[in-house]
Structure formats: structure tokens, C-alpha cells
Amino acid sequence: MAAFKADDKAYIVESNRIVRECTVKRVTGKLIIIRFENGGGIQVSENRLFDTKESAAASIQSVKSMPQKIKRNGFHSPYDYWH
């Protein structure tokens, strides 16, 4: 990851599935204010930003690597804890 400065282009991964381009507006320590193309903006940690679209896409977890939920069959009491 690169050190970002104001007016740099960066990429962020939203909801672990969408890569969006954004513009860095202000850097304050490890927090960065970014603005999206549609006009919205947020403040994020520097570890959420990527300098290339390819590196952002590589960070997205595949569906196969995500843990699967255990399906419970039959009747279970509502007081039966799942942990």
C-alpha cells in the first residue's frame, strides 16, 4: 500500500464484493477522508485503501474460502443456544 496524498486516486472495497474508485481529499495520521465520483465521502483508515484496482480486487475473499454455516435439522427449542 502506498502513502496517499491529497488529490490521489485510490480504490476501496465495499461489502467485500465491489471495488470503487475514489479521490483522497485529506490525510490526517492514519485516517483519510475520501470522496466518491457520485459526490459522497467518508473517512476511512489507510489500510482500507488500495493504490491499484487489481490489488483491491485481489483482496476480495472468494465465496469458497468463506466459512459455511452449519444447518440444523429438526425441532430445536428456542432456548437452545447456538454456541
PDB file of N, CA and C in Angstrom:
ATOM      1  N   MET A   1       0.834  -1.173   0.000  1.00  0.00           N
ATOM      2  CA  MET A   1       0.000   0.000   0.000  1.00  0.00           C
ATOM      3  C   MET A   1       0.881   1.239   0.000  1.00  0.00           C
ATOM      4  N   ALA A   2       0.445   2.194  -0.726  1.00  0.00           N
ATOM      5  CA  ALA A   2       1.228   3.411  -0.895  1.00  0.00           C
ATOM      6  C   ALA A   2       0.789   4.468   0.110  1.00  0.00           C
ATOM      7  N   ALA A   3       1.669   5.430   0.339  1.00  0.00           N
ATOM      8  CA  ALA A   3       1.311   6.582   1.160  1.00  0.00           C
ATOM      9  C   ALA A   3       0.504   7.529   0.272  1.00  0.00           C
ATOM     10  N   PHE A   4      -0.682   7.875   0.716  1.00  0.00           N
ATOM     11  CA  PHE A   4      -1.573   8.696  -0.090  1.00  0.00           C
ATOM     12  C   PHE A   4      -1.427  10.158   0.277  1.00  0.00           C
ATOM     13  N   LYS A   5      -1.618  11.018  -0.729  1.00  0.00           N
ATOM     14  CA  LYS A   5      -1.616  12.464  -0.555  1.00  0.00           C
ATOM     15  C   LYS A   5      -2.927  13.007  -1.116  1.00  0.00           C
ATOM     16  N   ALA A   6      -3.220  14.240  -0.838  1.00  0.00           N
ATOM     17  CA  ALA A   6      -4.445  14.864  -1.328  1.00  0.00           C
ATOM     18  C   ALA A   6      -4.486  14.819  -2.852  1.00  0.00           C
ATOM     19  N   ASP A   7      -5.652  14.583  -3.404  1.00  0.00           N
ATOM     20  CA  ASP A   7      -5.952  14.501  -4.841  1.00  0.00           C
ATOM     21  C   ASP A   7      -5.392  13.248  -5.521  1.00  0.00           C
ATOM     22  N   ASP A   8      -4.949  12.249  -4.750  1.00  0.00           N
ATOM     23  CA  ASP A   8      -4.540  10.964  -5.328  1.00  0.00           C
ATOM     24  C   ASP A   8      -5.774  10.116  -5.607  1.00  0.00           C
ATOM     25  N   LYS A   9      -5.694   9.268  -6.610  1.00  0.00           N
ATOM     26  CA  LYS A   9      -6.749   8.289  -6.878  1.00  0.00           C
ATOM     27  C   LYS A   9      -6.470   7.053  -6.027  1.00  0.00           C
ATOM     28  N   ALA A  10      -7.512   6.474  -5.459  1.00  0.00           N
ATOM     29  CA  ALA A  10      -7.386   5.277  -4.639  1.00  0.00           C
ATOM     30  C   ALA A  10      -8.590   4.387  -4.917  1.00  0.00           C
ATOM     31  N   TYR A  11      -8.536   3.166  -4.427  1.00  0.00           N
ATOM     32  CA  TYR A  11      -9.618   2.203  -4.603  1.00  0.00           C
ATOM     33  C   TYR A  11      -9.975   1.625  -3.250  1.00  0.00           C
ATOM     34  N   ILE A  12     -11.275   1.404  -3.032  1.00  0.00           N
ATOM     35  CA  ILE A  12     -11.769   0.852  -1.783  1.00  0.00           C
ATOM     36  C   ILE A  12     -12.700  -0.309  -2.110  1.00  0.00           C
ATOM     37  N   VAL A  13     -12.712  -1.317  -1.240  1.00  0.00           N
ATOM     38  CA  VAL A  13     -13.590  -2.479  -1.413  1.00  0.00           C
ATOM     39  C   VAL A  13     -14.792  -2.282  -0.500  1.00  0.00           C
ATOM     40  N   GLU A  14     -15.988  -2.316  -1.092  1.00  0.00           N
ATOM     41  CA  GLU A  14     -17.226  -2.162  -0.336  1.00  0.00           C
ATOM     42  C   GLU A  14     -17.917  -3.508  -0.190  1.00  0.00           C
ATOM     43  N   SER A  15     -18.336  -3.829   1.005  1.00  0.00           N
ATOM     44  CA  SER A  15     -19.098  -5.036   1.303  1.00  0.00           C
ATOM     45  C   SER A  15     -18.403  -6.304   0.826  1.00  0.00           C
ATOM     46  N   ASN A  16     -17.099  -6.266   0.757  1.00  0.00           N
ATOM     47  CA  ASN A  16     -16.279  -7.406   0.341  1.00  0.00           C
ATOM     48  C   ASN A  16     -16.677  -7.931  -1.039  1.00  0.00           C
ATOM     49  N   ARG A  17     -17.192  -7.048  -1.918  1.00  0.00           N
ATOM     50  CA  ARG A  17     -17.578  -7.517  -3.249  1.00  0.00           C
ATOM     51  C   ARG A  17     -17.483  -6.471  -4.343  1.00  0.00           C
ATOM     52  N   ILE A  18     -17.443  -5.183  -4.011  1.00  0.00           N
ATOM     53  CA  ILE A  18     -17.436  -4.130  -5.018  1.00  0.00           C
ATOM     54  C   ILE A  18     -16.185  -3.273  -4.844  1.00  0.00           C
ATOM     55  N   VAL A  19     -15.463  -3.046  -5.938  1.00  0.00           N
ATOM     56  CA  VAL A  19     -14.298  -2.156  -5.918  1.00  0.00           C
ATOM     57  C   VAL A  19     -14.727  -0.809  -6.486  1.00  0.00           C
ATOM     58  N   ARG A  20     -14.523   0.274  -5.717  1.00  0.00           N
ATOM     59  CA  ARG A  20     -14.907   1.610  -6.172  1.00  0.00           C
ATOM     60  C   ARG A  20     -13.708   2.528  -6.179  1.00  0.00           C
ATOM     61  N   GLU A  21     -13.656   3.373  -7.192  1.00  0.00           N
ATOM     62  CA  GLU A  21     -12.595   4.371  -7.283  1.00  0.00           C
ATOM     63  C   GLU A  21     -13.001   5.593  -6.465  1.00  0.00           C
ATOM     64  N   CYS A  22     -12.022   6.206  -5.818  1.00  0.00           N
ATOM     65  CA  CYS A  22     -12.290   7.398  -5.020  1.00  0.00           C
ATOM     66  C   CYS A  22     -11.094   8.337  -5.106  1.00  0.00           C
ATOM     67  N   THR A  23     -11.279   9.544  -4.603  1.00  0.00           N
ATOM     68  CA  THR A  23     -10.228  10.552  -4.582  1.00  0.00           C
ATOM     69  C   THR A  23      -9.921  10.901  -3.136  1.00  0.00           C
ATOM     70  N   VAL A  24      -8.651  10.937  -2.791  1.00  0.00           N
ATOM     71  CA  VAL A  24      -8.222  11.308  -1.443  1.00  0.00           C
ATOM     72  C   VAL A  24      -8.358  12.822  -1.299  1.00  0.00           C
ATOM     73  N   LYS A  25      -9.039  13.249  -0.256  1.00  0.00           N
ATOM     74  CA  LYS A  25      -9.222  14.677  -0.020  1.00  0.00           C
ATOM     75  C   LYS A  25      -8.324  15.200   1.091  1.00  0.00           C
ATOM     76  N   ARG A  26      -8.152  14.432   2.182  1.00  0.00           N
ATOM     77  CA  ARG A  26      -7.315  14.878   3.289  1.00  0.00           C
ATOM     78  C   ARG A  26      -6.736  13.672   4.007  1.00  0.00           C
ATOM     79  N   VAL A  27      -5.488  13.782   4.411  1.00  0.00           N
ATOM     80  CA  VAL A  27      -4.813  12.737   5.175  1.00  0.00           C
ATOM     81  C   VAL A  27      -4.466  13.301   6.541  1.00  0.00           C
ATOM     82  N   THR A  28      -4.940  12.630   7.592  1.00  0.00           N
ATOM     83  CA  THR A  28      -4.659  13.041   8.959  1.00  0.00           C
ATOM     84  C   THR A  28      -4.192  11.809   9.728  1.00  0.00           C
ATOM     85  N   GLY A  29      -2.893  11.646   9.862  1.00  0.00           N
ATOM     86  CA  GLY A  29      -2.364  10.470  10.539  1.00  0.00           C
ATOM     87  C   GLY A  29      -2.691   9.219   9.740  1.00  0.00           C
ATOM     88  N   LYS A  30      -3.400   8.272  10.363  1.00  0.00           N
ATOM     89  CA  LYS A  30      -3.790   7.042   9.677  1.00  0.00           C
ATOM     90  C   LYS A  30      -5.220   7.099   9.155  1.00  0.00           C
ATOM     91  N   LEU A  31      -5.893   8.232   9.308  1.00  0.00           N
ATOM     92  CA  LEU A  31      -7.252   8.395   8.801  1.00  0.00           C
ATOM     93  C   LEU A  31      -7.237   9.251   7.546  1.00  0.00           C
ATOM     94  N   ILE A  32      -8.041   8.821   6.574  1.00  0.00           N
ATOM     95  CA  ILE A  32      -8.071   9.503   5.277  1.00  0.00           C
ATOM     96  C   ILE A  32      -9.519   9.809   4.912  1.00  0.00           C
ATOM     97  N   ILE A  33      -9.777  11.033   4.518  1.00  0.00           N
ATOM     98  CA  ILE A  33     -11.099  11.412   4.019  1.00  0.00           C
ATOM     99  C   ILE A  33     -11.082  11.231   2.502  1.00  0.00           C
ATOM    100  N   ILE A  34     -12.055  10.445   2.003  1.00  0.00           N
ATOM    101  CA  ILE A  34     -12.133  10.186   0.563  1.00  0.00           C
ATOM    102  C   ILE A  34     -13.466  10.672   0.023  1.00  0.00           C
ATOM    103  N   ARG A  35     -13.498  10.952  -1.277  1.00  0.00           N
ATOM    104  CA  ARG A  35     -14.719  11.360  -1.960  1.00  0.00           C
ATOM    105  C   ARG A  35     -14.934  10.447  -3.146  1.00  0.00           C
ATOM    106  N   PHE A  36     -16.171   9.956  -3.287  1.00  0.00           N
ATOM    107  CA  PHE A  36     -16.537   9.098  -4.405  1.00  0.00           C
ATOM    108  C   PHE A  36     -16.935   9.943  -5.610  1.00  0.00           C
ATOM    109  N   GLU A  37     -17.048   9.306  -6.783  1.00  0.00           N
ATOM    110  CA  GLU A  37     -17.412  10.028  -8.003  1.00  0.00           C
ATOM    111  C   GLU A  37     -18.823  10.597  -7.930  1.00  0.00           C
ATOM    112  N   ASN A  38     -19.716   9.931  -7.185  1.00  0.00           N
ATOM    113  CA  ASN A  38     -21.097  10.399  -7.118  1.00  0.00           C
ATOM    114  C   ASN A  38     -21.289  11.524  -6.107  1.00  0.00           C
ATOM    115  N   GLY A  39     -20.203  11.964  -5.444  1.00  0.00           N
ATOM    116  CA  GLY A  39     -20.298  13.090  -4.533  1.00  0.00           C
ATOM    117  C   GLY A  39     -20.270  12.727  -3.074  1.00  0.00           C
ATOM    118  N   GLY A  40     -20.484  11.482  -2.715  1.00  0.00           N
ATOM    119  CA  GLY A  40     -20.434  11.077  -1.319  1.00  0.00           C
ATOM    120  C   GLY A  40     -19.002  10.976  -0.834  1.00  0.00           C
ATOM    121  N   GLY A  41     -18.829  10.989   0.465  1.00  0.00           N
ATOM    122  CA  GLY A  41     -17.495  10.865   1.019  1.00  0.00           C
ATOM    123  C   GLY A  41     -17.533  10.273   2.408  1.00  0.00           C
ATOM    124  N   ILE A  42     -16.432   9.629   2.804  1.00  0.00           N
ATOM    125  CA  ILE A  42     -16.329   9.044   4.131  1.00  0.00           C
ATOM    126  C   ILE A  42     -14.892   9.162   4.621  1.00  0.00           C
ATOM    127  N   GLN A  43     -14.716   8.904   5.901  1.00  0.00           N
ATOM    128  CA  GLN A  43     -13.387   8.859   6.498  1.00  0.00           C
ATOM    129  C   GLN A  43     -13.066   7.406   6.797  1.00  0.00           C
ATOM    130  N   VAL A  44     -11.925   6.920   6.305  1.00  0.00           N
ATOM    131  CA  VAL A  44     -11.537   5.528   6.479  1.00  0.00           C
ATOM    132  C   VAL A  44     -10.103   5.446   6.968  1.00  0.00           C
ATOM    133  N   SER A  45      -9.763   4.276   7.482  1.00  0.00           N
ATOM    134  CA  SER A  45      -8.387   4.005   7.864  1.00  0.00           C
ATOM    135  C   SER A  45      -7.570   3.754   6.606  1.00  0.00           C
ATOM    136  N   GLU A  46      -6.284   4.052   6.665  1.00  0.00           N
ATOM    137  CA  GLU A  46      -5.450   3.909   5.468  1.00  0.00           C
ATOM    138  C   GLU A  46      -5.323   2.464   5.006  1.00  0.00           C
ATOM    139  N   ASN A  47      -5.554   1.493   5.889  1.00  0.00           N
ATOM    140  CA  ASN A  47      -5.426   0.096   5.470  1.00  0.00           C
ATOM    141  C   ASN A  47      -6.616  -0.393   4.645  1.00  0.00           C
ATOM    142  N   ARG A  48      -7.660   0.414   4.494  1.00  0.00           N
ATOM    143  CA  ARG A  48      -8.801   0.045   3.651  1.00  0.00           C
ATOM    144  C   ARG A  48      -8.650   0.520   2.222  1.00  0.00           C
ATOM    145  N   LEU A  49      -7.628   1.313   1.933  1.00  0.00           N
ATOM    146  CA  LEU A  49      -7.424   1.862   0.592  1.00  0.00           C
ATOM    147  C   LEU A  49      -6.323   1.109  -0.143  1.00  0.00           C
ATOM    148  N   PHE A  50      -6.482   1.019  -1.465  1.00  0.00           N
ATOM    149  CA  PHE A  50      -5.509   0.359  -2.325  1.00  0.00           C
ATOM    150  C   PHE A  50      -5.097   1.325  -3.420  1.00  0.00           C
ATOM    151  N   ASP A  51      -3.860   1.171  -3.903  1.00  0.00           N
ATOM    152  CA  ASP A  51      -3.375   2.086  -4.937  1.00  0.00           C
ATOM    153  C   ASP A  51      -3.732   1.645  -6.348  1.00  0.00           C
ATOM    154  N   THR A  52      -4.050   0.353  -6.557  1.00  0.00           N
ATOM    155  CA  THR A  52      -4.473  -0.127  -7.879  1.00  0.00           C
ATOM    156  C   THR A  52      -5.769  -0.910  -7.758  1.00  0.00           C
ATOM    157  N   LYS A  53      -6.494  -0.945  -8.850  1.00  0.00           N
ATOM    158  CA  LYS A  53      -7.752  -1.690  -8.876  1.00  0.00           C
ATOM    159  C   LYS A  53      -7.497  -3.192  -8.757  1.00  0.00           C
ATOM    160  N   GLU A  54      -6.392  -3.661  -9.320  1.00  0.00           N
ATOM    161  CA  GLU A  54      -6.060  -5.081  -9.277  1.00  0.00           C
ATOM    162  C   GLU A  54      -5.760  -5.540  -7.851  1.00  0.00           C
ATOM    163  N   SER A  55      -5.042  -4.734  -7.082  1.00  0.00           N
ATOM    164  CA  SER A  55      -4.742  -5.119  -5.704  1.00  0.00           C
ATOM    165  C   SER A  55      -5.999  -5.106  -4.838  1.00  0.00           C
ATOM    166  N   ALA A  56      -6.926  -4.191  -5.127  1.00  0.00           N
ATOM    167  CA  ALA A  56      -8.193  -4.171  -4.397  1.00  0.00           C
ATOM    168  C   ALA A  56      -9.025  -5.397  -4.735  1.00  0.00           C
ATOM    169  N   ALA A  57      -9.064  -5.775  -6.010  1.00  0.00           N
ATOM    170  CA  ALA A  57      -9.830  -6.957  -6.419  1.00  0.00           C
ATOM    171  C   ALA A  57      -9.218  -8.227  -5.847  1.00  0.00           C
ATOM    172  N   ALA A  58      -7.905  -8.261  -5.696  1.00  0.00           N
ATOM    173  CA  ALA A  58      -7.247  -9.448  -5.137  1.00  0.00           C
ATOM    174  C   ALA A  58      -7.553  -9.629  -3.660  1.00  0.00           C
ATOM    175  N   SER A  59      -7.929  -8.566  -2.970  1.00  0.00           N
ATOM    176  CA  SER A  59      -8.220  -8.670  -1.541  1.00  0.00           C
ATOM    177  C   SER A  59      -9.615  -9.210  -1.253  1.00  0.00           C
ATOM    178  N   ILE A  60     -10.475  -9.293  -2.263  1.00  0.00           N
ATOM    179  CA  ILE A  60     -11.832  -9.793  -2.070  1.00  0.00           C
ATOM    180  C   ILE A  60     -11.784 -11.297  -1.860  1.00  0.00           C
ATOM    181  N   GLN A  61     -12.452 -11.748  -0.790  1.00  0.00           N
ATOM    182  CA  GLN A  61     -12.484 -13.176  -0.495  1.00  0.00           C
ATOM    183  C   GLN A  61     -13.423 -13.870  -1.465  1.00  0.00           C
ATOM    184  N   SER A  62     -13.019 -15.052  -1.897  1.00  0.00           N
ATOM    185  CA  SER A  62     -13.902 -15.809  -2.781  1.00  0.00           C
ATOM    186  C   SER A  62     -14.988 -16.482  -1.954  1.00  0.00           C
ATOM    187  N   VAL A  63     -16.069 -16.876  -2.603  1.00  0.00           N
ATOM    188  CA  VAL A  63     -17.196 -17.500  -1.911  1.00  0.00           C
ATOM    189  C   VAL A  63     -16.773 -18.837  -1.307  1.00  0.00           C
ATOM    190  N   LYS A  64     -15.893 -19.569  -1.994  1.00  0.00           N
ATOM    191  CA  LYS A  64     -15.467 -20.865  -1.496  1.00  0.00           C
ATOM    192  C   LYS A  64     -14.609 -20.747  -0.240  1.00  0.00           C
ATOM    193  N   SER A  65     -13.878 -19.661  -0.076  1.00  0.00           N
ATOM    194  CA  SER A  65     -12.997 -19.530   1.081  1.00  0.00           C
ATOM    195  C   SER A  65     -13.730 -19.037   2.324  1.00  0.00           C
ATOM    196  N   MET A  66     -14.965 -18.585   2.171  1.00  0.00           N
ATOM    197  CA  MET A  66     -15.715 -18.106   3.324  1.00  0.00           C
ATOM    198  C   MET A  66     -16.301 -19.300   4.077  1.00  0.00           C
ATOM    199  N   PRO A  67     -16.352 -19.237   5.407  1.00  0.00           N
ATOM    200  CA  PRO A  67     -16.877 -20.359   6.187  1.00  0.00           C
ATOM    201  C   PRO A  67     -18.369 -20.564   5.932  1.00  0.00           C
ATOM    202  N   GLN A  68     -18.775 -21.803   5.917  1.00  0.00           N
ATOM    203  CA  GLN A  68     -20.177 -22.143   5.685  1.00  0.00           C
ATOM    204  C   GLN A  68     -20.896 -22.296   7.023  1.00  0.00           C
ATOM    205  N   LYS A  69     -22.156 -21.896   7.079  1.00  0.00           N
ATOM    206  CA  LYS A  69     -22.948 -22.058   8.287  1.00  0.00           C
ATOM    207  C   LYS A  69     -23.396 -23.507   8.402  1.00  0.00           C
ATOM    208  N   ILE A  70     -23.494 -23.979   9.615  1.00  0.00           N
ATOM    209  CA  ILE A  70     -23.964 -25.333   9.859  1.00  0.00           C
ATOM    210  C   ILE A  70     -25.480 -25.295   9.900  1.00  0.00           C
ATOM    211  N   LYS A  71     -26.113 -26.096   9.053  1.00  0.00           N
ATOM    212  CA  LYS A  71     -27.572 -26.141   9.010  1.00  0.00           C
ATOM    213  C   LYS A  71     -28.071 -27.152  10.029  1.00  0.00           C
ATOM    214  N   ARG A  72     -28.998 -26.740  10.848  1.00  0.00           N
ATOM    215  CA  ARG A  72     -29.548 -27.619  11.865  1.00  0.00           C
ATOM    216  C   ARG A  72     -30.870 -28.180  11.372  1.00  0.00           C
ATOM    217  N   ASN A  73     -31.046 -29.463  11.509  1.00  0.00           N
ATOM    218  CA  ASN A  73     -32.265 -30.130  11.064  1.00  0.00           C
ATOM    219  C   ASN A  73     -33.128 -30.489  12.265  1.00  0.00           C
ATOM    220  N   GLY A  74     -34.426 -30.540  12.042  1.00  0.00           N
ATOM    221  CA  GLY A  74     -35.343 -30.961  13.085  1.00  0.00           C
ATOM    222  C   GLY A  74     -35.741 -29.828  14.007  1.00  0.00           C
ATOM    223  N   PHE A  75     -36.509 -30.189  15.037  1.00  0.00           N
ATOM    224  CA  PHE A  75     -37.001 -29.208  16.003  1.00  0.00           C
ATOM    225  C   PHE A  75     -35.946 -28.925  17.046  1.00  0.00           C
ATOM    226  N   HIS A  76     -35.815 -27.645  17.378  1.00  0.00           N
ATOM    227  CA  HIS A  76     -34.928 -27.230  18.461  1.00  0.00           C
ATOM    228  C   HIS A  76     -35.655 -26.191  19.293  1.00  0.00           C
ATOM    229  N   SER A  77     -35.467 -26.285  20.571  1.00  0.00           N
ATOM    230  CA  SER A  77     -36.078 -25.346  21.493  1.00  0.00           C
ATOM    231  C   SER A  77     -35.546 -23.940  21.229  1.00  0.00           C
ATOM    232  N   PRO A  78     -36.383 -22.910  21.375  1.00  0.00           N
ATOM    233  CA  PRO A  78     -35.888 -21.546  21.199  1.00  0.00           C
ATOM    234  C   PRO A  78     -34.876 -21.159  22.283  1.00  0.00           C
ATOM    235  N   TYR A  79     -34.779 -21.958  23.336  1.00  0.00           N
ATOM    236  CA  TYR A  79     -33.833 -21.696  24.415  1.00  0.00           C
ATOM    237  C   TYR A  79     -32.533 -22.439  24.216  1.00  0.00           C
ATOM    238  N   ASP A  80     -32.423 -23.171  23.110  1.00  0.00           N
ATOM    239  CA  ASP A  80     -31.195 -23.903  22.788  1.00  0.00           C
ATOM    240  C   ASP A  80     -30.214 -22.935  22.145  1.00  0.00           C
ATOM    241  N   TYR A  81     -29.080 -22.683  22.796  1.00  0.00           N
ATOM    242  CA  TYR A  81     -28.092 -21.742  22.281  1.00  0.00           C
ATOM    243  C   TYR A  81     -27.323 -22.359  21.139  1.00  0.00           C
ATOM    244  N   TRP A  82     -26.855 -21.516  20.200  1.00  0.00           N
ATOM    245  CA  TRP A  82     -26.142 -21.987  19.029  1.00  0.00           C
ATOM    246  C   TRP A  82     -24.645 -21.964  19.208  1.00  0.00           C
ATOM    247  N   HIS A  83     -24.178 -21.738  20.406  1.00  0.00           N
ATOM    248  CA  HIS A  83     -22.723 -21.708  20.609  1.00  0.00           C
ATOM    249  C   HIS A  83     -22.309 -22.674  21.672  1.00  0.00           C
TER     250      HIS A  83
END
